[in-house]
């Protein structure tokens, strides 16, 4: 991945936007009483970067956001949950995006949200060593479909209305 000044600046700005969205969303109480369910609005930025720049660049934005959000608002264990969920999400979204050749960002987002929830459940299982945590899987799958669709639609509109010169692969 070659980083010129334009790309580096775009990635820094997108990382800042993702971090800001994450921090703001963390301050909003979730209306659902199931642990781990949230909209995942920072994923809009990850989807946008995958679509505009590629999966490697999205990995950089995601990693920066996870590290900084852990430093700002988290604990060491939250880093583990975030990196497992975010990492699996990124891998799945990158593969789905490749398979769909950049089309169907909603589908990419839904699969990514489901993968994120599975990654976090696996991390929780490894940390807590409790099989009871697997009871959350059906709820997290349903929420992944709903939240993934929402963030996918938001990413679609971001890609549609943000000028192509910003965060483009060709600069």
N, C-alpha and C. Protein backbone atom coordinates (compact mmCIF):
# COMPACT_ATOMS: atom_id res chain seq x y z
N UNK A 1 0.86 -1.17 0.00
CA UNK A 1 0.00 0.00 0.00
C UNK A 1 0.90 1.23 0.00
N UNK A 2 0.81 1.99 -1.07
CA UNK A 2 1.59 3.21 -1.20
C UNK A 2 0.79 4.37 -0.62
N UNK A 3 1.43 5.11 0.30
CA UNK A 3 0.74 6.23 0.94
C UNK A 3 1.33 7.55 0.46
N UNK A 4 0.60 8.22 -0.41
CA UNK A 4 0.99 9.58 -0.76
C UNK A 4 0.33 10.53 0.23
N UNK A 5 0.63 11.80 0.12
CA UNK A 5 0.11 12.78 1.08
C UNK A 5 -1.42 12.81 1.07
N UNK A 6 -2.01 12.79 -0.11
CA UNK A 6 -3.48 12.83 -0.20
C UNK A 6 -4.10 11.62 0.49
N UNK A 7 -3.57 10.43 0.23
CA UNK A 7 -4.12 9.21 0.82
C UNK A 7 -3.91 9.21 2.34
N UNK A 8 -2.73 9.61 2.78
CA UNK A 8 -2.44 9.63 4.20
C UNK A 8 -3.36 10.61 4.94
N UNK A 9 -3.58 11.78 4.34
CA UNK A 9 -4.46 12.77 4.93
C UNK A 9 -5.90 12.26 4.96
N UNK A 10 -6.33 11.65 3.88
CA UNK A 10 -7.69 11.08 3.82
C UNK A 10 -7.88 10.01 4.88
N UNK A 11 -6.90 9.12 5.02
CA UNK A 11 -7.00 8.05 6.01
C UNK A 11 -6.99 8.59 7.43
N UNK A 12 -6.19 9.62 7.68
CA UNK A 12 -6.17 10.25 9.01
C UNK A 12 -7.52 10.89 9.32
N UNK A 13 -8.08 11.59 8.34
CA UNK A 13 -9.38 12.22 8.53
C UNK A 13 -10.48 11.18 8.74
N UNK A 14 -10.45 10.13 7.95
CA UNK A 14 -11.45 9.07 8.09
C UNK A 14 -11.32 8.33 9.42
N UNK A 15 -10.09 8.14 9.89
CA UNK A 15 -9.87 7.53 11.20
C UNK A 15 -10.44 8.41 12.30
N UNK A 16 -10.25 9.71 12.17
CA UNK A 16 -10.78 10.66 13.15
C UNK A 16 -12.31 10.65 13.14
N UNK A 17 -12.89 10.60 11.96
CA UNK A 17 -14.35 10.55 11.85
C UNK A 17 -14.87 9.26 12.49
N UNK A 18 -14.23 8.12 12.19
CA UNK A 18 -14.66 6.84 12.76
C UNK A 18 -14.54 6.86 14.28
N UNK A 19 -13.45 7.41 14.80
CA UNK A 19 -13.26 7.49 16.24
C UNK A 19 -14.31 8.39 16.89
N UNK A 20 -14.59 9.51 16.27
CA UNK A 20 -15.60 10.43 16.80
C UNK A 20 -16.97 9.78 16.83
N UNK A 21 -17.32 9.10 15.75
CA UNK A 21 -18.62 8.40 15.70
C UNK A 21 -18.68 7.33 16.79
N UNK A 22 -17.58 6.58 16.96
CA UNK A 22 -17.54 5.53 17.98
C UNK A 22 -17.74 6.11 19.38
N UNK A 23 -17.03 7.19 19.69
CA UNK A 23 -17.14 7.81 21.02
C UNK A 23 -18.54 8.35 21.26
N UNK A 24 -19.11 9.01 20.25
CA UNK A 24 -20.47 9.53 20.39
C UNK A 24 -21.48 8.40 20.58
N UNK A 25 -21.34 7.35 19.80
CA UNK A 25 -22.27 6.22 19.93
C UNK A 25 -22.12 5.53 21.28
N UNK A 26 -20.91 5.49 21.82
CA UNK A 26 -20.68 4.88 23.13
C UNK A 26 -21.39 5.63 24.25
N UNK A 27 -21.63 6.92 24.04
CA UNK A 27 -22.30 7.74 25.05
C UNK A 27 -23.81 7.58 25.02
N UNK A 28 -24.34 6.96 23.99
CA UNK A 28 -25.79 6.77 23.86
C UNK A 28 -26.17 5.42 24.46
N UNK A 29 -27.09 5.41 25.42
CA UNK A 29 -27.51 4.11 25.98
C UNK A 29 -28.26 3.29 24.93
N UNK A 30 -28.00 1.99 24.93
CA UNK A 30 -28.68 1.13 23.96
C UNK A 30 -30.09 0.81 24.44
N UNK A 31 -31.06 0.85 23.54
CA UNK A 31 -32.44 0.58 23.94
C UNK A 31 -32.75 -0.91 24.09
N UNK A 32 -31.80 -1.76 23.70
CA UNK A 32 -32.02 -3.20 23.74
C UNK A 32 -31.26 -3.77 24.95
N UNK A 33 -31.89 -4.60 25.76
CA UNK A 33 -31.24 -5.10 26.98
C UNK A 33 -30.27 -6.27 26.76
N UNK A 34 -29.87 -6.52 25.53
CA UNK A 34 -28.94 -7.62 25.25
C UNK A 34 -27.53 -7.03 25.13
N UNK A 35 -26.58 -7.52 25.95
CA UNK A 35 -25.21 -7.00 25.88
C UNK A 35 -24.61 -7.21 24.48
N UNK A 36 -23.88 -6.21 24.02
CA UNK A 36 -23.18 -6.32 22.74
C UNK A 36 -23.95 -5.79 21.54
N UNK A 37 -25.21 -5.46 21.71
CA UNK A 37 -25.99 -4.96 20.58
C UNK A 37 -25.87 -3.44 20.52
N UNK A 38 -25.38 -2.96 19.40
CA UNK A 38 -25.35 -1.52 19.12
C UNK A 38 -25.33 -1.34 17.62
N UNK A 39 -25.54 -0.13 17.17
CA UNK A 39 -25.61 0.11 15.72
C UNK A 39 -24.28 -0.11 15.01
N UNK A 40 -23.19 0.23 15.64
CA UNK A 40 -21.90 0.09 14.98
C UNK A 40 -21.71 1.14 13.89
N UNK A 41 -22.05 2.37 14.22
CA UNK A 41 -22.02 3.45 13.22
C UNK A 41 -20.62 3.73 12.68
N UNK A 42 -19.59 3.46 13.45
CA UNK A 42 -18.22 3.68 12.96
C UNK A 42 -17.92 2.77 11.77
N UNK A 43 -18.68 1.70 11.64
CA UNK A 43 -18.49 0.78 10.52
C UNK A 43 -18.87 1.42 9.19
N UNK A 44 -19.65 2.48 9.23
CA UNK A 44 -19.98 3.21 8.00
C UNK A 44 -18.69 3.69 7.35
N UNK A 45 -17.78 4.16 8.16
CA UNK A 45 -16.49 4.66 7.65
C UNK A 45 -15.68 3.50 7.07
N UNK A 46 -15.66 2.38 7.77
CA UNK A 46 -14.92 1.21 7.27
C UNK A 46 -15.46 0.76 5.92
N UNK A 47 -16.77 0.69 5.80
CA UNK A 47 -17.39 0.33 4.52
C UNK A 47 -17.04 1.33 3.42
N UNK A 48 -17.10 2.60 3.75
CA UNK A 48 -16.78 3.66 2.81
C UNK A 48 -15.34 3.51 2.31
N UNK A 49 -14.42 3.23 3.22
CA UNK A 49 -13.00 3.09 2.83
C UNK A 49 -12.80 1.83 1.99
N UNK A 50 -13.46 0.74 2.33
CA UNK A 50 -13.36 -0.47 1.51
C UNK A 50 -13.82 -0.17 0.09
N UNK A 51 -14.94 0.51 -0.02
CA UNK A 51 -15.52 0.82 -1.33
C UNK A 51 -14.64 1.77 -2.13
N UNK A 52 -14.14 2.82 -1.48
CA UNK A 52 -13.38 3.85 -2.20
C UNK A 52 -11.90 3.53 -2.37
N UNK A 53 -11.30 2.91 -1.36
CA UNK A 53 -9.84 2.79 -1.36
C UNK A 53 -9.33 1.35 -1.34
N UNK A 54 -10.07 0.49 -0.65
CA UNK A 54 -9.63 -0.90 -0.58
C UNK A 54 -9.59 -1.43 0.85
N UNK A 55 -9.42 -2.73 0.95
CA UNK A 55 -9.47 -3.40 2.25
C UNK A 55 -8.24 -3.10 3.09
N UNK A 56 -7.08 -2.96 2.49
CA UNK A 56 -5.86 -2.65 3.26
C UNK A 56 -5.99 -1.29 3.94
N UNK A 57 -6.49 -0.33 3.20
CA UNK A 57 -6.68 1.00 3.77
C UNK A 57 -7.74 0.98 4.87
N UNK A 58 -8.79 0.18 4.66
CA UNK A 58 -9.84 0.05 5.67
C UNK A 58 -9.27 -0.60 6.93
N UNK A 59 -8.37 -1.55 6.76
CA UNK A 59 -7.73 -2.20 7.92
C UNK A 59 -6.94 -1.17 8.72
N UNK A 60 -6.26 -0.28 8.05
CA UNK A 60 -5.49 0.76 8.74
C UNK A 60 -6.42 1.68 9.53
N UNK A 61 -7.50 2.13 8.92
CA UNK A 61 -8.47 3.01 9.59
C UNK A 61 -9.09 2.28 10.78
N UNK A 62 -9.47 1.04 10.59
CA UNK A 62 -10.08 0.25 11.65
C UNK A 62 -9.11 0.07 12.82
N UNK A 63 -7.87 -0.29 12.52
CA UNK A 63 -6.89 -0.52 13.58
C UNK A 63 -6.61 0.76 14.37
N UNK A 64 -6.46 1.88 13.67
CA UNK A 64 -6.23 3.16 14.35
C UNK A 64 -7.42 3.48 15.25
N UNK A 65 -8.63 3.29 14.73
CA UNK A 65 -9.83 3.58 15.53
C UNK A 65 -9.91 2.69 16.77
N UNK A 66 -9.62 1.42 16.61
CA UNK A 66 -9.69 0.50 17.75
C UNK A 66 -8.65 0.85 18.81
N UNK A 67 -7.43 1.11 18.39
CA UNK A 67 -6.37 1.45 19.35
C UNK A 67 -6.71 2.74 20.09
N UNK A 68 -7.09 3.78 19.34
CA UNK A 68 -7.39 5.06 19.98
C UNK A 68 -8.65 4.99 20.84
N UNK A 69 -9.66 4.26 20.41
CA UNK A 69 -10.88 4.16 21.23
C UNK A 69 -10.60 3.38 22.51
N UNK A 70 -9.70 2.41 22.46
CA UNK A 70 -9.32 1.68 23.66
C UNK A 70 -8.60 2.60 24.63
N UNK A 71 -7.70 3.43 24.10
CA UNK A 71 -6.97 4.37 24.94
C UNK A 71 -7.91 5.40 25.56
N UNK A 72 -8.85 5.90 24.76
CA UNK A 72 -9.74 6.97 25.21
C UNK A 72 -10.85 6.44 26.12
N UNK A 73 -11.51 5.36 25.71
CA UNK A 73 -12.75 4.98 26.40
C UNK A 73 -12.79 3.54 26.90
N UNK A 74 -11.71 2.83 26.79
CA UNK A 74 -11.83 1.40 27.07
C UNK A 74 -10.84 0.86 28.08
N UNK A 75 -10.84 -0.45 28.11
CA UNK A 75 -9.93 -1.21 28.95
C UNK A 75 -9.24 -2.21 28.04
N UNK A 76 -8.27 -2.91 28.60
CA UNK A 76 -7.52 -3.87 27.78
C UNK A 76 -8.44 -4.94 27.20
N UNK A 77 -9.43 -5.40 27.97
CA UNK A 77 -10.31 -6.44 27.46
C UNK A 77 -11.19 -5.92 26.33
N UNK A 78 -11.53 -4.63 26.37
CA UNK A 78 -12.34 -4.08 25.27
C UNK A 78 -11.53 -4.07 23.97
N UNK A 79 -10.21 -3.95 24.07
CA UNK A 79 -9.36 -4.04 22.88
C UNK A 79 -9.49 -5.43 22.26
N UNK A 80 -9.46 -6.44 23.10
CA UNK A 80 -9.58 -7.82 22.60
C UNK A 80 -10.90 -8.03 21.88
N UNK A 81 -12.01 -7.59 22.50
CA UNK A 81 -13.32 -7.74 21.87
C UNK A 81 -13.39 -6.96 20.55
N UNK A 82 -12.88 -5.74 20.58
CA UNK A 82 -12.93 -4.90 19.37
C UNK A 82 -12.07 -5.44 18.25
N UNK A 83 -10.88 -5.90 18.57
CA UNK A 83 -9.98 -6.39 17.52
C UNK A 83 -10.49 -7.71 16.94
N UNK A 84 -11.08 -8.56 17.79
CA UNK A 84 -11.64 -9.83 17.28
C UNK A 84 -12.87 -9.56 16.42
N UNK A 85 -13.79 -8.74 16.92
CA UNK A 85 -14.99 -8.43 16.15
C UNK A 85 -14.67 -7.64 14.90
N UNK A 86 -13.89 -6.58 15.06
CA UNK A 86 -13.54 -5.73 13.93
C UNK A 86 -12.69 -6.45 12.89
N UNK A 87 -11.76 -7.27 13.36
CA UNK A 87 -10.90 -8.01 12.43
C UNK A 87 -11.68 -9.00 11.59
N UNK A 88 -12.54 -9.79 12.24
CA UNK A 88 -13.36 -10.75 11.49
C UNK A 88 -14.32 -10.03 10.56
N UNK A 89 -14.89 -8.94 11.04
CA UNK A 89 -15.79 -8.12 10.22
C UNK A 89 -15.07 -7.62 8.97
N UNK A 90 -13.87 -7.10 9.14
CA UNK A 90 -13.11 -6.57 8.01
C UNK A 90 -12.78 -7.67 6.99
N UNK A 91 -12.35 -8.81 7.48
CA UNK A 91 -12.02 -9.92 6.58
C UNK A 91 -13.25 -10.33 5.77
N UNK A 92 -14.37 -10.50 6.45
CA UNK A 92 -15.60 -10.92 5.76
C UNK A 92 -16.05 -9.84 4.78
N UNK A 93 -16.04 -8.58 5.21
CA UNK A 93 -16.48 -7.51 4.30
C UNK A 93 -15.55 -7.40 3.09
N UNK A 94 -14.25 -7.56 3.31
CA UNK A 94 -13.32 -7.53 2.19
C UNK A 94 -13.60 -8.65 1.19
N UNK A 95 -13.87 -9.85 1.70
CA UNK A 95 -14.16 -10.99 0.81
C UNK A 95 -15.49 -10.82 0.09
N UNK A 96 -16.52 -10.38 0.82
CA UNK A 96 -17.83 -10.19 0.19
C UNK A 96 -17.76 -9.08 -0.85
N UNK A 97 -17.05 -8.00 -0.52
CA UNK A 97 -16.89 -6.89 -1.48
C UNK A 97 -16.16 -7.36 -2.73
N UNK A 98 -15.14 -8.19 -2.55
CA UNK A 98 -14.40 -8.75 -3.69
C UNK A 98 -15.32 -9.63 -4.52
N UNK A 99 -16.09 -10.48 -3.87
CA UNK A 99 -17.01 -11.39 -4.55
C UNK A 99 -18.08 -10.61 -5.32
N UNK A 100 -18.59 -9.56 -4.70
CA UNK A 100 -19.65 -8.76 -5.34
C UNK A 100 -19.09 -7.66 -6.25
N UNK A 101 -17.78 -7.62 -6.38
CA UNK A 101 -17.08 -6.66 -7.24
C UNK A 101 -17.47 -5.21 -6.94
N UNK A 102 -17.55 -4.89 -5.65
CA UNK A 102 -17.83 -3.52 -5.25
C UNK A 102 -19.29 -3.13 -5.25
N UNK A 103 -20.17 -4.02 -5.65
CA UNK A 103 -21.61 -3.74 -5.66
C UNK A 103 -22.25 -4.32 -4.40
N UNK A 104 -23.43 -3.84 -4.06
CA UNK A 104 -24.17 -4.41 -2.93
C UNK A 104 -23.55 -4.13 -1.58
N UNK A 105 -23.26 -2.87 -1.32
CA UNK A 105 -22.63 -2.50 -0.06
C UNK A 105 -23.51 -2.88 1.14
N UNK A 106 -24.83 -2.96 0.93
CA UNK A 106 -25.74 -3.37 2.02
C UNK A 106 -25.45 -4.82 2.41
N UNK A 107 -25.25 -5.66 1.41
CA UNK A 107 -24.98 -7.08 1.66
C UNK A 107 -23.63 -7.22 2.34
N UNK A 108 -22.65 -6.48 1.86
CA UNK A 108 -21.33 -6.49 2.48
C UNK A 108 -21.44 -6.10 3.94
N UNK A 109 -22.22 -5.07 4.22
CA UNK A 109 -22.39 -4.58 5.58
C UNK A 109 -23.09 -5.59 6.48
N UNK A 110 -24.12 -6.24 5.98
CA UNK A 110 -24.84 -7.23 6.78
C UNK A 110 -23.91 -8.38 7.16
N UNK A 111 -23.18 -8.91 6.19
CA UNK A 111 -22.24 -9.99 6.49
C UNK A 111 -21.16 -9.53 7.46
N UNK A 112 -20.71 -8.29 7.30
CA UNK A 112 -19.71 -7.74 8.21
C UNK A 112 -20.24 -7.61 9.63
N UNK A 113 -21.46 -7.13 9.78
CA UNK A 113 -22.05 -6.97 11.12
C UNK A 113 -22.22 -8.32 11.80
N UNK A 114 -22.66 -9.31 11.05
CA UNK A 114 -22.81 -10.65 11.61
C UNK A 114 -21.44 -11.19 12.03
N UNK A 115 -20.44 -11.01 11.18
CA UNK A 115 -19.08 -11.48 11.49
C UNK A 115 -18.54 -10.76 12.72
N UNK A 116 -18.82 -9.46 12.84
CA UNK A 116 -18.37 -8.70 14.01
C UNK A 116 -18.95 -9.30 15.28
N UNK A 117 -20.24 -9.58 15.26
CA UNK A 117 -20.89 -10.16 16.44
C UNK A 117 -20.33 -11.54 16.76
N UNK A 118 -20.07 -12.34 15.75
CA UNK A 118 -19.49 -13.67 15.96
C UNK A 118 -18.08 -13.55 16.53
N UNK A 119 -17.30 -12.62 16.00
CA UNK A 119 -15.95 -12.40 16.51
C UNK A 119 -15.95 -12.00 17.98
N UNK A 120 -16.89 -11.13 18.35
CA UNK A 120 -16.96 -10.71 19.76
C UNK A 120 -17.45 -11.85 20.66
N UNK A 121 -18.38 -12.65 20.18
CA UNK A 121 -18.84 -13.80 20.97
C UNK A 121 -17.70 -14.79 21.18
N UNK A 122 -16.92 -15.03 20.12
CA UNK A 122 -15.77 -15.93 20.25
C UNK A 122 -14.76 -15.39 21.25
N UNK A 123 -14.50 -14.09 21.20
CA UNK A 123 -13.57 -13.47 22.15
C UNK A 123 -14.11 -13.60 23.58
N UNK A 124 -15.41 -13.34 23.75
CA UNK A 124 -16.02 -13.46 25.08
C UNK A 124 -15.95 -14.89 25.59
N UNK A 125 -16.18 -15.84 24.68
CA UNK A 125 -16.10 -17.25 25.06
C UNK A 125 -14.69 -17.61 25.51
N UNK A 126 -13.69 -17.12 24.78
CA UNK A 126 -12.30 -17.40 25.15
C UNK A 126 -11.92 -16.76 26.48
N UNK A 127 -12.42 -15.56 26.75
CA UNK A 127 -12.09 -14.86 27.99
C UNK A 127 -12.85 -15.46 29.17
N UNK A 128 -14.16 -15.66 29.01
CA UNK A 128 -15.00 -16.07 30.13
C UNK A 128 -15.09 -17.58 30.31
N UNK A 129 -14.86 -18.33 29.26
CA UNK A 129 -14.95 -19.80 29.29
C UNK A 129 -16.32 -20.28 29.78
N UNK A 130 -17.36 -19.58 29.32
CA UNK A 130 -18.73 -19.95 29.70
C UNK A 130 -19.53 -20.27 28.44
N UNK A 131 -20.07 -21.46 28.38
CA UNK A 131 -20.86 -21.83 27.20
C UNK A 131 -22.18 -21.07 27.15
N UNK A 132 -22.64 -20.57 28.29
CA UNK A 132 -23.89 -19.82 28.35
C UNK A 132 -23.88 -18.58 27.48
N UNK A 133 -22.69 -18.07 27.20
CA UNK A 133 -22.58 -16.86 26.37
C UNK A 133 -23.06 -17.13 24.94
N UNK A 134 -23.03 -18.38 24.54
CA UNK A 134 -23.48 -18.74 23.19
C UNK A 134 -25.00 -18.58 23.02
N UNK A 135 -25.71 -18.42 24.12
CA UNK A 135 -27.15 -18.18 24.05
C UNK A 135 -27.47 -16.83 23.40
N UNK A 136 -26.50 -15.94 23.39
CA UNK A 136 -26.68 -14.62 22.77
C UNK A 136 -26.61 -14.67 21.24
N UNK A 137 -26.07 -15.74 20.69
CA UNK A 137 -25.83 -15.82 19.25
C UNK A 137 -27.08 -15.52 18.41
N UNK A 138 -28.24 -16.12 18.67
CA UNK A 138 -29.41 -15.80 17.82
C UNK A 138 -29.78 -14.32 17.86
N UNK A 139 -29.71 -13.71 19.04
CA UNK A 139 -30.03 -12.29 19.16
C UNK A 139 -29.02 -11.43 18.41
N UNK A 140 -27.75 -11.82 18.49
CA UNK A 140 -26.70 -11.05 17.80
C UNK A 140 -26.76 -11.24 16.29
N UNK A 141 -27.20 -12.40 15.83
CA UNK A 141 -27.37 -12.61 14.39
C UNK A 141 -28.49 -11.73 13.85
N UNK A 142 -29.60 -11.69 14.56
CA UNK A 142 -30.72 -10.84 14.14
C UNK A 142 -30.32 -9.38 14.18
N UNK A 143 -29.67 -8.97 15.25
CA UNK A 143 -29.25 -7.56 15.35
C UNK A 143 -28.21 -7.24 14.27
N UNK A 144 -27.35 -8.21 13.94
CA UNK A 144 -26.36 -7.99 12.88
C UNK A 144 -27.01 -7.72 11.54
N UNK A 145 -28.08 -8.43 11.25
CA UNK A 145 -28.80 -8.19 9.99
C UNK A 145 -29.41 -6.80 9.98
N UNK A 146 -30.06 -6.43 11.07
CA UNK A 146 -30.73 -5.12 11.14
C UNK A 146 -29.71 -3.97 11.13
N UNK A 147 -28.72 -4.05 12.01
CA UNK A 147 -27.74 -2.95 12.08
C UNK A 147 -26.86 -2.92 10.84
N UNK A 148 -26.55 -4.10 10.30
CA UNK A 148 -25.76 -4.15 9.07
C UNK A 148 -26.48 -3.49 7.90
N UNK A 149 -27.77 -3.72 7.82
CA UNK A 149 -28.56 -3.07 6.76
C UNK A 149 -28.55 -1.56 6.94
N UNK A 150 -28.73 -1.10 8.18
CA UNK A 150 -28.74 0.34 8.46
C UNK A 150 -27.40 0.98 8.10
N UNK A 151 -26.29 0.40 8.57
CA UNK A 151 -24.99 0.99 8.27
C UNK A 151 -24.65 0.86 6.78
N UNK A 152 -25.13 -0.21 6.15
CA UNK A 152 -24.91 -0.36 4.71
C UNK A 152 -25.61 0.72 3.91
N UNK A 153 -26.84 1.03 4.29
CA UNK A 153 -27.58 2.10 3.62
C UNK A 153 -26.86 3.44 3.83
N UNK A 154 -26.41 3.68 5.06
CA UNK A 154 -25.69 4.93 5.34
C UNK A 154 -24.40 5.01 4.53
N UNK A 155 -23.67 3.91 4.44
CA UNK A 155 -22.44 3.89 3.65
C UNK A 155 -22.72 4.08 2.16
N UNK A 156 -23.83 3.52 1.70
CA UNK A 156 -24.23 3.70 0.31
C UNK A 156 -24.42 5.20 0.01
N UNK A 157 -25.15 5.89 0.88
CA UNK A 157 -25.39 7.32 0.65
C UNK A 157 -24.12 8.14 0.83
N UNK A 158 -23.25 7.73 1.75
CA UNK A 158 -21.97 8.43 1.90
C UNK A 158 -21.16 8.29 0.62
N UNK A 159 -21.11 7.09 0.08
CA UNK A 159 -20.36 6.87 -1.15
C UNK A 159 -20.98 7.63 -2.32
N UNK A 160 -22.28 7.71 -2.32
CA UNK A 160 -22.99 8.37 -3.43
C UNK A 160 -22.81 9.89 -3.41
N UNK A 161 -22.82 10.48 -2.20
CA UNK A 161 -22.86 11.94 -2.12
C UNK A 161 -21.54 12.61 -1.73
N UNK A 162 -20.58 11.86 -1.24
CA UNK A 162 -19.26 12.46 -0.97
C UNK A 162 -18.50 12.47 -2.29
N UNK A 163 -17.94 13.63 -2.65
CA UNK A 163 -17.26 13.71 -3.95
C UNK A 163 -16.20 12.62 -4.15
N UNK A 164 -16.12 12.13 -5.35
CA UNK A 164 -15.22 11.02 -5.67
C UNK A 164 -13.74 11.38 -5.47
N UNK A 165 -13.43 12.67 -5.52
CA UNK A 165 -12.04 13.08 -5.34
C UNK A 165 -11.57 12.80 -3.90
N UNK A 166 -12.51 12.81 -2.96
CA UNK A 166 -12.14 12.52 -1.58
C UNK A 166 -12.03 11.02 -1.39
N UNK A 167 -10.93 10.60 -0.85
CA UNK A 167 -10.70 9.19 -0.54
C UNK A 167 -10.86 8.31 -1.77
N UNK A 168 -10.23 8.71 -2.85
CA UNK A 168 -10.30 7.87 -4.05
C UNK A 168 -8.99 7.11 -4.20
N UNK A 169 -9.07 5.98 -4.86
CA UNK A 169 -7.93 5.13 -5.07
C UNK A 169 -6.95 5.72 -6.10
N UNK A 170 -7.45 6.53 -6.99
CA UNK A 170 -6.67 6.95 -8.14
C UNK A 170 -5.77 8.16 -7.89
N UNK A 171 -5.90 8.82 -6.76
CA UNK A 171 -5.07 10.01 -6.53
C UNK A 171 -3.69 9.66 -6.13
